[in-house]
Amino acid sequence: SRPLPQPANPRNISEYTPHMSAAVSRPASTLTRTRSLAGIRRFTSRIPKASSASASPPTRTMASEGKSISSYLPADTHKGLQPGDGDLTYLHTMLRVSDLGKTVEFFTALGLMETRRKESDAGKFTLVFLASAPGAPEIELTYNWGGEEFAPPSRSMGHLAYATDDIYKLCASLQGAGVVINRPPRDGKMAFVKSPDGISVELLQKGEALDAAEPWASMANMGEW
């Protein structure tokens, strides 16, 4: 493959998901872009070193270096991003909620943390942003004061998805918090749960599937997801 011309920031800030397991441990400062035969941009380790010992090292506009593979956004999200890489940067998914407290509890049990909150007296609404780590893409919960009633989510809205270190441990924790495991992880790889407003959330085991284990292996599905 033929290397592409190097931009000022050699890596698209949005690219945190590895194509291969080896990519997880490869330092971002050693990555450059290449073009494969299929036209897919990938990374190799061939960035030229600075020509001067006094040259400043390249900087990355991430919230926290090395703490989470998901963290590529600055603390103020889009306002802190610098134009120039030519790519769209994924920021958040907005969900309207009928019960803000219950929905925050659900996503907190899932493992997300509240990153910021906005109250609007004029608009009579509250926005709560949650993410899996500081600087990771967010879920934006929008609550209109007085509450709303929603029809069941359309099938055009599929699901959110998160990968976890131990799917059995996470499902047990969710179950202990009163969350129904709609699709148990019988295969040690995948599970589904739903938010208080019926938004499906897929849970996936990082890496290889875990060995089958009870009570999950014989647990039946509950409802739809």
C-alpha atoms as a PDB file:
ATOM      1  CA  SER A   1       0.000   0.000   0.000  1.00  0.00           C
ATOM      2  CA  ARG A   2       1.084   3.593  -0.668  1.00  0.00           C
ATOM      3  CA  PRO A   3       1.290   6.092   2.252  1.00  0.00           C
ATOM      4  CA  LEU A   4      -0.959   9.146   2.048  1.00  0.00           C
ATOM      5  CA  PRO A   5       0.400  12.683   2.631  1.00  0.00           C
ATOM      6  CA  GLN A   6       0.717  13.385   6.337  1.00  0.00           C
ATOM      7  CA  PRO A   7      -1.729  15.906   7.900  1.00  0.00           C
ATOM      8  CA  ALA A   8      -0.705  18.019  10.883  1.00  0.00           C
ATOM      9  CA  ASN A   9      -2.404  15.538  13.214  1.00  0.00           C
ATOM     10  CA  PRO A  10      -1.500  12.123  11.789  1.00  0.00           C
ATOM     11  CA  ARG A  11      -4.503  10.325  13.234  1.00  0.00           C
ATOM     12  CA  ASN A  12      -8.204  11.030  12.793  1.00  0.00           C
ATOM     13  CA  ILE A  13      -9.358  11.859  16.318  1.00  0.00           C
ATOM     14  CA  SER A  14     -12.460   9.684  15.854  1.00  0.00           C
ATOM     15  CA  GLU A  15     -10.549   6.464  15.176  1.00  0.00           C
ATOM     16  CA  TYR A  16     -10.304   4.559  18.428  1.00  0.00           C
ATOM     17  CA  THR A  17     -11.657   1.136  17.436  1.00  0.00           C
ATOM     18  CA  PRO A  18      -8.827  -1.219  16.447  1.00  0.00           C
ATOM     19  CA  HIS A  19      -9.038  -3.305  13.286  1.00  0.00           C
ATOM     20  CA  MET A  20      -6.845  -5.890  15.021  1.00  0.00           C
ATOM     21  CA  SER A  21      -6.009  -6.593  18.643  1.00  0.00           C
ATOM     22  CA  ALA A  22      -2.421  -5.460  18.073  1.00  0.00           C
ATOM     23  CA  ALA A  23      -3.674  -1.986  17.226  1.00  0.00           C
ATOM     24  CA  VAL A  24      -4.854  -1.455  20.793  1.00  0.00           C
ATOM     25  CA  SER A  25      -1.349  -1.293  22.216  1.00  0.00           C
ATOM     26  CA  ARG A  26       0.219   0.597  19.325  1.00  0.00           C
ATOM     27  CA  PRO A  27       0.993   4.210  20.384  1.00  0.00           C
ATOM     28  CA  ALA A  28      -1.003   6.757  18.395  1.00  0.00           C
ATOM     29  CA  SER A  29       2.125   8.888  17.948  1.00  0.00           C
ATOM     30  CA  THR A  30       3.664   6.112  15.813  1.00  0.00           C
ATOM     31  CA  LEU A  31       0.733   5.795  13.467  1.00  0.00           C
ATOM     32  CA  THR A  32       0.366   7.094   9.924  1.00  0.00           C
ATOM     33  CA  ARG A  33      -2.285   6.696   7.303  1.00  0.00           C
ATOM     34  CA  THR A  34      -2.045   4.298   4.387  1.00  0.00           C
ATOM     35  CA  ARG A  35      -4.508   3.368   1.683  1.00  0.00           C
ATOM     36  CA  SER A  36      -5.333  -0.314   1.144  1.00  0.00           C
ATOM     37  CA  LEU A  37      -6.391  -1.816  -2.155  1.00  0.00           C
ATOM     38  CA  ALA A  38     -10.012  -1.525  -0.996  1.00  0.00           C
ATOM     39  CA  GLY A  39      -9.516   2.180  -0.332  1.00  0.00           C
ATOM     40  CA  ILE A  40      -9.761   1.774   3.464  1.00  0.00           C
ATOM     41  CA  ARG A  41      -7.499   3.936   5.569  1.00  0.00           C
ATOM     42  CA  ARG A  42      -5.399   2.029   8.049  1.00  0.00           C
ATOM     43  CA  PHE A  43      -2.380   2.826  10.162  1.00  0.00           C
ATOM     44  CA  THR A  44       1.300   1.877  10.096  1.00  0.00           C
ATOM     45  CA  SER A  45       4.223   2.852  12.279  1.00  0.00           C
ATOM     46  CA  ARG A  46       6.218   5.241  10.104  1.00  0.00           C
ATOM     47  CA  ILE A  47       5.929   8.845  11.330  1.00  0.00           C
ATOM     48  CA  PRO A  48       9.215  10.743  10.853  1.00  0.00           C
ATOM     49  CA  LYS A  49      10.978  11.840  14.017  1.00  0.00           C
ATOM     50  CA  ALA A  50      11.352  15.529  14.833  1.00  0.00           C
ATOM     51  CA  SER A  51      14.335  17.125  13.093  1.00  0.00           C
ATOM     52  CA  SER A  52      15.411  18.986  16.212  1.00  0.00           C
ATOM     53  CA  ALA A  53      15.862  17.782  19.760  1.00  0.00           C
ATOM     54  CA  SER A  54      14.145  20.935  20.984  1.00  0.00           C
ATOM     55  CA  ALA A  55      11.062  20.428  18.808  1.00  0.00           C
ATOM     56  CA  SER A  56       7.829  20.112  20.735  1.00  0.00           C
ATOM     57  CA  PRO A  57       6.163  16.679  20.665  1.00  0.00           C
ATOM     58  CA  PRO A  58       2.883  16.400  18.735  1.00  0.00           C
ATOM     59  CA  THR A  59      -0.200  17.111  20.795  1.00  0.00           C
ATOM     60  CA  ARG A  60      -3.539  15.322  20.696  1.00  0.00           C
ATOM     61  CA  THR A  61      -6.873  16.952  21.523  1.00  0.00           C
ATOM     62  CA  MET A  62      -8.132  14.155  23.739  1.00  0.00           C
ATOM     63  CA  ALA A  63      -9.699  14.391  27.171  1.00  0.00           C
ATOM     64  CA  SER A  64      -7.268  11.996  28.810  1.00  0.00           C
ATOM     65  CA  GLU A  65      -4.255  10.344  27.175  1.00  0.00           C
ATOM     66  CA  GLY A  66      -4.062   6.584  27.580  1.00  0.00           C
ATOM     67  CA  LYS A  67      -6.901   6.159  30.079  1.00  0.00           C
ATOM     68  CA  SER A  68      -9.599   4.778  27.774  1.00  0.00           C
ATOM     69  CA  ILE A  69      -9.582   3.629  24.182  1.00  0.00           C
ATOM     70  CA  SER A  70     -12.957   5.401  23.804  1.00  0.00           C
ATOM     71  CA  SER A  71     -11.685   8.840  24.824  1.00  0.00           C
ATOM     72  CA  TYR A  72     -11.004  10.975  21.794  1.00  0.00           C
ATOM     73  CA  LEU A  73     -13.062  14.109  22.515  1.00  0.00           C
ATOM     74  CA  PRO A  74     -11.867  17.173  24.446  1.00  0.00           C
ATOM     75  CA  ALA A  75     -13.690  18.140  27.619  1.00  0.00           C
ATOM     76  CA  ASP A  76     -15.910  20.647  25.812  1.00  0.00           C
ATOM     77  CA  THR A  77     -16.513  18.224  22.891  1.00  0.00           C
ATOM     78  CA  HIS A  78     -16.997  20.052  19.576  1.00  0.00           C
ATOM     79  CA  LYS A  79     -15.862  23.482  20.797  1.00  0.00           C
ATOM     80  CA  GLY A  80     -12.377  22.207  21.551  1.00  0.00           C
ATOM     81  CA  LEU A  81     -11.937  20.382  18.249  1.00  0.00           C
ATOM     82  CA  GLN A  82      -9.666  22.008  15.708  1.00  0.00           C
ATOM     83  CA  PRO A  83     -10.774  21.987  12.037  1.00  0.00           C
ATOM     84  CA  GLY A  84      -8.462  20.596   9.433  1.00  0.00           C
ATOM     85  CA  ASP A  85      -8.595  16.790   9.374  1.00  0.00           C
ATOM     86  CA  GLY A  86     -11.375  16.790   6.787  1.00  0.00           C
ATOM     87  CA  ASP A  87     -13.413  14.164   8.636  1.00  0.00           C
ATOM     88  CA  LEU A  88     -16.696  14.184  10.525  1.00  0.00           C
ATOM     89  CA  THR A  89     -16.318  13.527  14.258  1.00  0.00           C
ATOM     90  CA  TYR A  90     -19.020  11.549  16.024  1.00  0.00           C
ATOM     91  CA  LEU A  91     -20.164  13.352  19.185  1.00  0.00           C
ATOM     92  CA  HIS A  92     -23.347  11.976  20.750  1.00  0.00           C
ATOM     93  CA  THR A  93     -26.739  10.321  20.372  1.00  0.00           C
ATOM     94  CA  MET A  94     -29.751  12.180  21.785  1.00  0.00           C
ATOM     95  CA  LEU A  95     -32.553  10.277  23.493  1.00  0.00           C
ATOM     96  CA  ARG A  96     -35.759  11.913  24.746  1.00  0.00           C
ATOM     97  CA  VAL A  97     -36.778  10.466  28.093  1.00  0.00           C
ATOM     98  CA  SER A  98     -39.998  10.400  30.083  1.00  0.00           C
ATOM     99  CA  ASP A  99     -38.359   9.883  33.490  1.00  0.00           C
ATOM    100  CA  LEU A 100     -34.949  11.502  33.809  1.00  0.00           C
ATOM    101  CA  GLY A 101     -34.092   9.980  37.181  1.00  0.00           C
ATOM    102  CA  LYS A 102     -34.841   6.387  36.168  1.00  0.00           C
ATOM    103  CA  THR A 103     -33.010   6.761  32.867  1.00  0.00           C
ATOM    104  CA  VAL A 104     -29.901   8.205  34.519  1.00  0.00           C
ATOM    105  CA  GLU A 105     -29.987   5.299  36.994  1.00  0.00           C
ATOM    106  CA  PHE A 106     -30.219   2.804  34.122  1.00  0.00           C
ATOM    107  CA  PHE A 107     -27.252   4.177  32.201  1.00  0.00           C
ATOM    108  CA  THR A 108     -25.255   4.595  35.419  1.00  0.00           C
ATOM    109  CA  ALA A 109     -25.870   0.918  36.222  1.00  0.00           C
ATOM    110  CA  LEU A 110     -24.694   0.143  32.702  1.00  0.00           C
ATOM    111  CA  GLY A 111     -21.387   1.829  33.498  1.00  0.00           C
ATOM    112  CA  LEU A 112     -21.755   5.331  32.070  1.00  0.00           C
ATOM    113  CA  MET A 113     -20.884   8.480  34.004  1.00  0.00           C
ATOM    114  CA  GLU A 114     -22.531  11.879  33.883  1.00  0.00           C
ATOM    115  CA  THR A 115     -20.199  14.302  32.129  1.00  0.00           C
ATOM    116  CA  ARG A 116     -22.296  17.487  32.180  1.00  0.00           C
ATOM    117  CA  ARG A 117     -25.805  18.799  32.660  1.00  0.00           C
ATOM    118  CA  LYS A 118     -27.747  21.804  31.414  1.00  0.00           C
ATOM    119  CA  GLU A 119     -30.974  23.243  32.819  1.00  0.00           C
ATOM    120  CA  SER A 120     -33.016  25.679  30.725  1.00  0.00           C
ATOM    121  CA  ASP A 121     -35.638  27.701  32.578  1.00  0.00           C
ATOM    122  CA  ALA A 122     -36.667  29.429  29.351  1.00  0.00           C
ATOM    123  CA  GLY A 123     -36.999  26.231  27.353  1.00  0.00           C
ATOM    124  CA  LYS A 124     -38.195  24.173  30.334  1.00  0.00           C
ATOM    125  CA  PHE A 125     -35.919  21.237  29.649  1.00  0.00           C
ATOM    126  CA  THR A 126     -32.919  19.442  31.133  1.00  0.00           C
ATOM    127  CA  LEU A 127     -30.047  17.901  29.182  1.00  0.00           C
ATOM    128  CA  VAL A 128     -27.861  15.241  30.795  1.00  0.00           C
ATOM    129  CA  PHE A 129     -24.790  13.918  28.996  1.00  0.00           C
ATOM    130  CA  LEU A 130     -23.299  10.545  29.914  1.00  0.00           C
ATOM    131  CA  ALA A 131     -20.276   8.658  28.568  1.00  0.00           C
ATOM    132  CA  SER A 132     -18.325   5.487  29.254  1.00  0.00           C
ATOM    133  CA  ALA A 133     -15.206   7.558  29.987  1.00  0.00           C
ATOM    134  CA  PRO A 134     -14.190  11.228  29.943  1.00  0.00           C
ATOM    135  CA  GLY A 135     -13.860  12.245  26.312  1.00  0.00           C
ATOM    136  CA  ALA A 136     -15.828   9.276  24.916  1.00  0.00           C
ATOM    137  CA  PRO A 137     -18.870   9.767  22.647  1.00  0.00           C
ATOM    138  CA  GLU A 138     -21.890  10.645  24.755  1.00  0.00           C
ATOM    139  CA  ILE A 139     -25.531   9.814  25.278  1.00  0.00           C
ATOM    140  CA  GLU A 140     -27.547  13.039  25.546  1.00  0.00           C
ATOM    141  CA  LEU A 141     -30.732  12.591  27.592  1.00  0.00           C
ATOM    142  CA  THR A 142     -33.330  15.266  26.862  1.00  0.00           C
ATOM    143  CA  TYR A 143     -36.071  15.702  29.455  1.00  0.00           C
ATOM    144  CA  ASN A 144     -38.862  18.190  28.802  1.00  0.00           C
ATOM    145  CA  TRP A 145     -40.229  19.387  32.118  1.00  0.00           C
ATOM    146  CA  GLY A 146     -43.616  17.928  32.892  1.00  0.00           C
ATOM    147  CA  GLY A 147     -42.717  14.678  31.191  1.00  0.00           C
ATOM    148  CA  GLU A 148     -43.774  13.098  27.920  1.00  0.00           C
ATOM    149  CA  GLU A 149     -45.357   9.856  26.820  1.00  0.00           C
ATOM    150  CA  PHE A 150     -43.771   8.073  23.878  1.00  0.00           C
ATOM    151  CA  ALA A 151     -45.025   5.451  21.479  1.00  0.00           C
ATOM    152  CA  PRO A 152     -42.897   2.273  21.360  1.00  0.00           C
ATOM    153  CA  PRO A 153     -39.599   2.958  19.595  1.00  0.00           C
ATOM    154  CA  SER A 154     -39.759   2.410  15.843  1.00  0.00           C
ATOM    155  CA  ARG A 155     -37.907  -0.597  14.438  1.00  0.00           C
ATOM    156  CA  SER A 156     -35.900   1.914  12.442  1.00  0.00           C
ATOM    157  CA  MET A 157     -34.134   2.703  15.737  1.00  0.00           C
ATOM    158  CA  GLY A 158     -32.112  -0.450  16.322  1.00  0.00           C
ATOM    159  CA  HIS A 159     -29.915  -0.234  19.408  1.00  0.00           C
ATOM    160  CA  LEU A 160     -26.954   1.298  21.180  1.00  0.00           C
ATOM    161  CA  ALA A 161     -23.965  -1.007  21.709  1.00  0.00           C
ATOM    162  CA  TYR A 162     -21.185  -1.230  24.291  1.00  0.00           C
ATOM    163  CA  ALA A 163     -18.350  -3.726  24.746  1.00  0.00           C
ATOM    164  CA  THR A 164     -17.448  -4.874  28.256  1.00  0.00           C
ATOM    165  CA  ASP A 165     -14.554  -6.701  29.921  1.00  0.00           C
ATOM    166  CA  ASP A 166     -16.831  -9.314  31.518  1.00  0.00           C
ATOM    167  CA  ILE A 167     -20.354  -9.663  30.146  1.00  0.00           C
ATOM    168  CA  TYR A 168     -21.424 -12.044  32.936  1.00  0.00           C
ATOM    169  CA  LYS A 169     -20.302  -9.644  35.642  1.00  0.00           C
ATOM    170  CA  LEU A 170     -22.036  -6.689  33.979  1.00  0.00           C
ATOM    171  CA  CYS A 171     -25.311  -8.588  33.461  1.00  0.00           C
ATOM    172  CA  ALA A 172     -25.264  -9.751  37.091  1.00  0.00           C
ATOM    173  CA  SER A 173     -24.704  -6.159  38.230  1.00  0.00           C
ATOM    174  CA  LEU A 174     -27.554  -4.895  36.032  1.00  0.00           C
ATOM    175  CA  GLN A 175     -29.834  -7.641  37.292  1.00  0.00           C
ATOM    176  CA  GLY A 176     -29.013  -6.656  40.859  1.00  0.00           C
ATOM    177  CA  ALA A 177     -30.023  -3.081  40.006  1.00  0.00           C
ATOM    178  CA  GLY A 178     -33.423  -4.296  38.818  1.00  0.00           C
ATOM    179  CA  VAL A 179     -32.690  -4.278  35.070  1.00  0.00           C
ATOM    180  CA  VAL A 180     -34.305  -7.084  33.054  1.00  0.00           C
ATOM    181  CA  ILE A 181     -31.833  -9.015  30.894  1.00  0.00           C
ATOM    182  CA  ASN A 182     -33.999  -9.367  27.799  1.00  0.00           C
ATOM    183  CA  ARG A 183     -31.488 -11.461  25.898  1.00  0.00           C
ATOM    184  CA  PRO A 184     -29.178 -13.269  28.362  1.00  0.00           C
ATOM    185  CA  PRO A 185     -25.551 -13.909  27.346  1.00  0.00           C
ATOM    186  CA  ARG A 186     -26.038 -17.644  26.823  1.00  0.00           C
ATOM    187  CA  ASP A 187     -23.190 -17.674  24.312  1.00  0.00           C
ATOM    188  CA  GLY A 188     -20.838 -15.718  26.585  1.00  0.00           C
ATOM    189  CA  LYS A 189     -20.706 -13.027  23.925  1.00  0.00           C
ATOM    190  CA  MET A 190     -23.893 -10.957  23.586  1.00  0.00           C
ATOM    191  CA  ALA A 191     -26.773  -9.663  25.696  1.00  0.00           C
ATOM    192  CA  PHE A 192     -29.557  -7.103  25.332  1.00  0.00           C
ATOM    193  CA  VAL A 193     -31.255  -4.851  27.869  1.00  0.00           C
ATOM    194  CA  LYS A 194     -33.681  -1.937  27.466  1.00  0.00           C
ATOM    195  CA  SER A 195     -33.832   1.551  28.924  1.00  0.00           C
ATOM    196  CA  PRO A 196     -36.933   2.711  30.845  1.00  0.00           C
ATOM    197  CA  ASP A 197     -38.285   4.131  27.562  1.00  0.00           C
ATOM    198  CA  GLY A 198     -37.617   0.927  25.629  1.00  0.00           C
ATOM    199  CA  ILE A 199     -34.355   1.792  23.871  1.00  0.00           C
ATOM    200  CA  SER A 200     -32.422  -1.432  23.234  1.00  0.00           C
ATOM    201  CA  VAL A 201     -28.809  -1.628  24.376  1.00  0.00           C
ATOM    202  CA  GLU A 202     -26.542  -4.387  23.083  1.00  0.00           C
ATOM    203  CA  LEU A 203     -23.754  -5.622  25.344  1.00  0.00           C
ATOM    204  CA  LEU A 204     -20.820  -7.432  23.756  1.00  0.00           C
ATOM    205  CA  GLN A 205     -17.934  -9.318  25.338  1.00  0.00           C
ATOM    206  CA  LYS A 206     -14.557  -7.867  24.428  1.00  0.00           C
ATOM    207  CA  GLY A 207     -12.330 -10.358  22.640  1.00  0.00           C
ATOM    208  CA  GLU A 208     -13.355 -14.001  22.523  1.00  0.00           C
ATOM    209  CA  ALA A 209     -16.623 -15.289  23.969  1.00  0.00           C
ATOM    210  CA  LEU A 210     -16.542 -16.466  27.579  1.00  0.00           C
ATOM    211  CA  ASP A 211     -17.146 -20.127  28.377  1.00  0.00           C
ATOM    212  CA  ALA A 212     -20.813 -20.959  28.875  1.00  0.00           C
ATOM    213  CA  ALA A 213     -21.835 -20.501  32.504  1.00  0.00           C
ATOM    214  CA  GLU A 214     -24.969 -20.606  34.645  1.00  0.00           C
ATOM    215  CA  PRO A 215     -27.370 -19.081  35.265  1.00  0.00           C
ATOM    216  CA  TRP A 216     -26.945 -17.506  31.826  1.00  0.00           C
ATOM    217  CA  ALA A 217     -26.540 -20.643  29.720  1.00  0.00           C
ATOM    218  CA  SER A 218     -30.064 -21.885  30.470  1.00  0.00           C
ATOM    219  CA  MET A 219     -31.782 -18.526  30.934  1.00  0.00           C
ATOM    220  CA  ALA A 220     -34.695 -17.804  28.570  1.00  0.00           C
ATOM    221  CA  ASN A 221     -35.312 -14.585  26.669  1.00  0.00           C
ATOM    222  CA  MET A 222     -37.657 -12.059  28.240  1.00  0.00           C
ATOM    223  CA  GLY A 223     -39.801  -9.818  26.053  1.00  0.00           C
ATOM    224  CA  GLU A 224     -38.414  -8.100  22.956  1.00  0.00           C
ATOM    225  CA  TRP A 225     -35.324  -6.012  22.365  1.00  0.00           C
END
